[in-house]
Protein backbone atom coordinates (compact mmCIF):
# COMPACT_ATOMS: atom_id res chain seq x y z
CA MET A 1 119.93 57.52 82.95
CA LEU A 2 118.77 55.10 85.62
CA ARG A 3 120.13 52.21 83.57
CA GLY A 4 123.53 53.92 83.28
CA LEU A 5 123.63 54.54 87.04
CA THR A 6 122.71 50.91 87.75
CA LEU A 7 125.44 49.65 85.42
CA ARG A 8 127.98 51.94 87.07
CA LEU A 9 127.07 50.74 90.56
CA HIS A 10 127.23 47.13 89.39
CA TRP A 11 130.70 47.69 87.92
CA GLN A 12 131.92 49.37 91.14
CA GLN A 13 130.66 46.45 93.26
CA LYS A 14 132.27 43.94 90.91
CA HIS A 15 135.64 45.76 91.02
CA ALA A 16 135.53 46.88 94.67
CA ASN A 17 139.02 45.59 95.31
CA LEU A 18 140.35 48.34 92.96
CA PHE A 19 138.87 51.06 95.17
CA PRO A 20 139.88 50.93 98.80
CA PRO A 21 137.38 52.61 101.20
CA SER A 22 139.57 55.67 101.74
CA ALA A 23 139.70 56.33 97.99
CA GLN A 24 135.91 56.13 97.55
CA THR A 25 135.02 59.07 99.75
CA ALA A 26 136.16 62.65 99.47
CA GLY A 27 138.10 63.82 102.45
CA PHE A 28 138.23 67.29 103.96
CA ALA A 29 141.34 68.85 105.38
CA LYS A 30 141.37 68.69 109.17
CA LYS A 31 142.11 71.80 111.12
CA LYS A 32 145.32 71.59 113.10
CA GLY A 33 144.98 71.58 116.84
CA LYS A 34 141.38 70.36 116.83
CA ASP A 35 140.47 66.97 118.23
CA ASP A 36 138.44 64.48 116.19
CA ASP A 37 136.09 63.71 119.11
CA SER A 38 135.05 67.31 119.75
CA GLY A 39 131.43 66.49 118.94
CA PRO A 40 129.03 68.08 116.43
CA ASP A 41 129.46 71.64 115.35
CA PRO A 42 127.64 73.96 117.78
CA ARG A 43 126.21 75.98 114.90
CA ILE A 44 124.59 72.88 113.45
CA THR A 45 123.11 71.84 116.77
CA LYS A 46 121.72 75.34 117.21
CA LEU A 47 120.18 75.21 113.73
CA LEU A 48 118.67 71.80 114.40
CA LYS A 49 117.20 73.06 117.66
CA ILE A 50 115.63 76.01 115.81
CA LEU A 51 114.09 73.66 113.29
CA GLU A 52 112.47 71.42 115.89
CA PRO A 53 108.70 71.94 116.07
CA LYS A 54 107.43 73.72 119.17
CA PRO A 55 105.08 71.83 121.40
CA LYS A 56 101.48 72.91 120.89
CA GLU A 57 99.94 74.82 123.76
CA LYS A 58 96.60 73.55 124.87
CA MET A 59 93.68 75.98 124.90
CA PRO A 60 92.35 76.56 128.41
CA GLU A 61 89.03 74.90 129.09
CA MET A 62 86.12 77.34 128.91
CA SER A 63 82.89 77.24 130.83
CA ALA A 64 79.53 76.87 129.06
CA GLU A 65 78.77 80.56 129.56
CA ASP A 66 82.11 81.62 128.05
CA THR A 67 81.58 79.31 125.06
CA ALA A 68 78.07 80.76 124.52
CA MET A 69 79.45 84.33 124.78
CA TRP A 70 82.22 83.56 122.20
CA ASN A 71 79.68 81.96 119.84
CA GLU A 72 77.40 85.05 120.06
CA ALA A 73 80.34 87.42 119.51
CA THR A 74 81.46 85.38 116.48
CA LYS A 75 77.98 85.41 114.97
CA ALA A 76 77.69 89.20 115.49
CA TYR A 77 81.10 89.77 113.92
CA ASN A 78 80.17 87.65 110.91
CA LYS A 79 76.90 89.52 110.44
CA LEU A 80 78.69 92.85 110.60
CA LYS A 81 81.38 91.82 108.10
CA LEU A 82 78.75 90.37 105.75
CA ALA A 83 76.77 93.63 105.86
CA GLN A 84 79.95 95.62 105.10
CA HIS A 85 80.71 93.29 102.19
CA ARG A 86 77.22 93.66 100.78
CA VAL A 87 77.43 97.47 100.98
CA TYR A 88 80.79 97.43 99.19
CA MET A 89 79.60 95.05 96.45
CA SER A 90 76.36 96.99 95.82
CA ASP A 91 78.37 100.22 95.58
CA LEU A 92 80.68 98.55 93.09
CA SER A 93 77.83 97.18 90.97
CA ILE A 94 76.15 100.62 90.90
CA LYS A 95 79.41 102.19 89.65
CA ILE A 96 79.71 99.55 86.92
CA GLN A 97 76.09 100.19 85.83
CA LEU A 98 76.77 103.94 85.74
CA LYS A 99 79.89 103.41 83.67
CA LYS A 100 78.00 101.25 81.16
CA ALA A 101 75.21 103.86 80.99
CA ALA A 102 77.75 106.65 80.38
CA LEU A 103 79.42 104.63 77.61
CA ALA A 104 76.05 103.92 76.01
CA ALA A 105 75.21 107.66 76.05
CA LEU A 106 78.34 108.56 74.05
CA PRO A 107 78.21 108.99 70.29
CA GLU A 108 79.46 105.97 68.26
CA HIS A 109 82.90 107.40 67.33
CA LEU A 110 83.64 108.46 70.92
CA ARG A 111 82.39 105.19 72.35
CA LYS A 112 84.83 103.22 70.20
CA GLU A 113 87.69 105.39 71.44
CA ALA A 114 86.55 105.06 75.08
CA GLU A 115 86.30 101.23 74.85
CA LYS A 116 89.84 100.85 73.52
CA ALA A 117 92.41 99.50 75.96
CA GLN A 118 95.01 102.08 76.95
CA THR A 119 98.39 100.68 75.98
CA ASP A 120 100.35 103.94 76.24
CA LEU A 121 103.14 104.02 78.79
CA PRO A 122 103.15 106.84 81.32
CA PRO A 123 105.47 109.71 80.48
CA PRO A 124 108.98 109.15 81.80
CA ASN A 125 109.13 112.59 83.42
CA ARG A 126 105.85 112.34 85.35
CA GLN A 127 105.83 113.59 88.90
CA MET A 128 106.02 110.87 91.54
CA PHE A 129 104.23 111.85 94.73
CA THR A 130 106.12 111.09 97.91
CA TRP A 131 105.59 111.61 101.64
CA THR A 132 108.67 113.81 101.99
CA PRO A 133 109.91 116.65 99.86
CA PRO A 134 112.89 116.00 97.62
CA ILE A 135 116.40 116.75 98.93
CA PRO A 136 117.86 119.57 96.79
CA GLY A 137 120.95 118.44 94.83
CA TYR A 138 120.63 114.77 95.88
CA THR A 139 120.60 113.36 92.35
CA GLU A 140 123.57 115.46 91.36
CA GLN A 141 125.55 114.19 94.38
CA GLN A 142 124.72 110.60 93.44
CA GLY A 143 125.87 111.20 89.87
CA ASP A 144 129.17 112.70 91.06
CA ALA A 145 129.81 109.75 93.41
CA SER A 146 129.17 107.20 90.65
CA ARG A 147 131.48 109.01 88.26
CA ARG A 148 134.22 109.00 90.87
CA ARG A 149 133.77 105.26 91.40
CA ARG A 150 134.02 104.58 87.67
CA ARG A 151 137.27 106.57 87.42
CA GLY A 152 138.78 104.46 90.16
């Protein structure tokens, strides 16, 4: 493909006199009553301004006491979060151990059934729990409206 493009460009350069500059570029229709020197489109300039990176704000200088206080607070927060994570993970591992023990306590034929992956789809008419009660007659109204639209 690159070779074909190179050959095409070479041919165009060789026969440039056949293609005047106005014929080589696609032109767009100009709007009547609008000057050529009106400048760039204001929408484009607005978009370009939005895309410019914002200057970074410098952090205010902190005193040694403030820096020490922030370091202590950070360490305390990390210790707290690590302790919460350890509690969560130990709870999870205990539940996994209990599940394995319960599976091991089952008879052989029930254990095989319990270890099978559930590939059944949920029933299509299952109840979906929502935060608000259903609006009576809403689905019937929707059905009537769609039938009217189809009729035209």
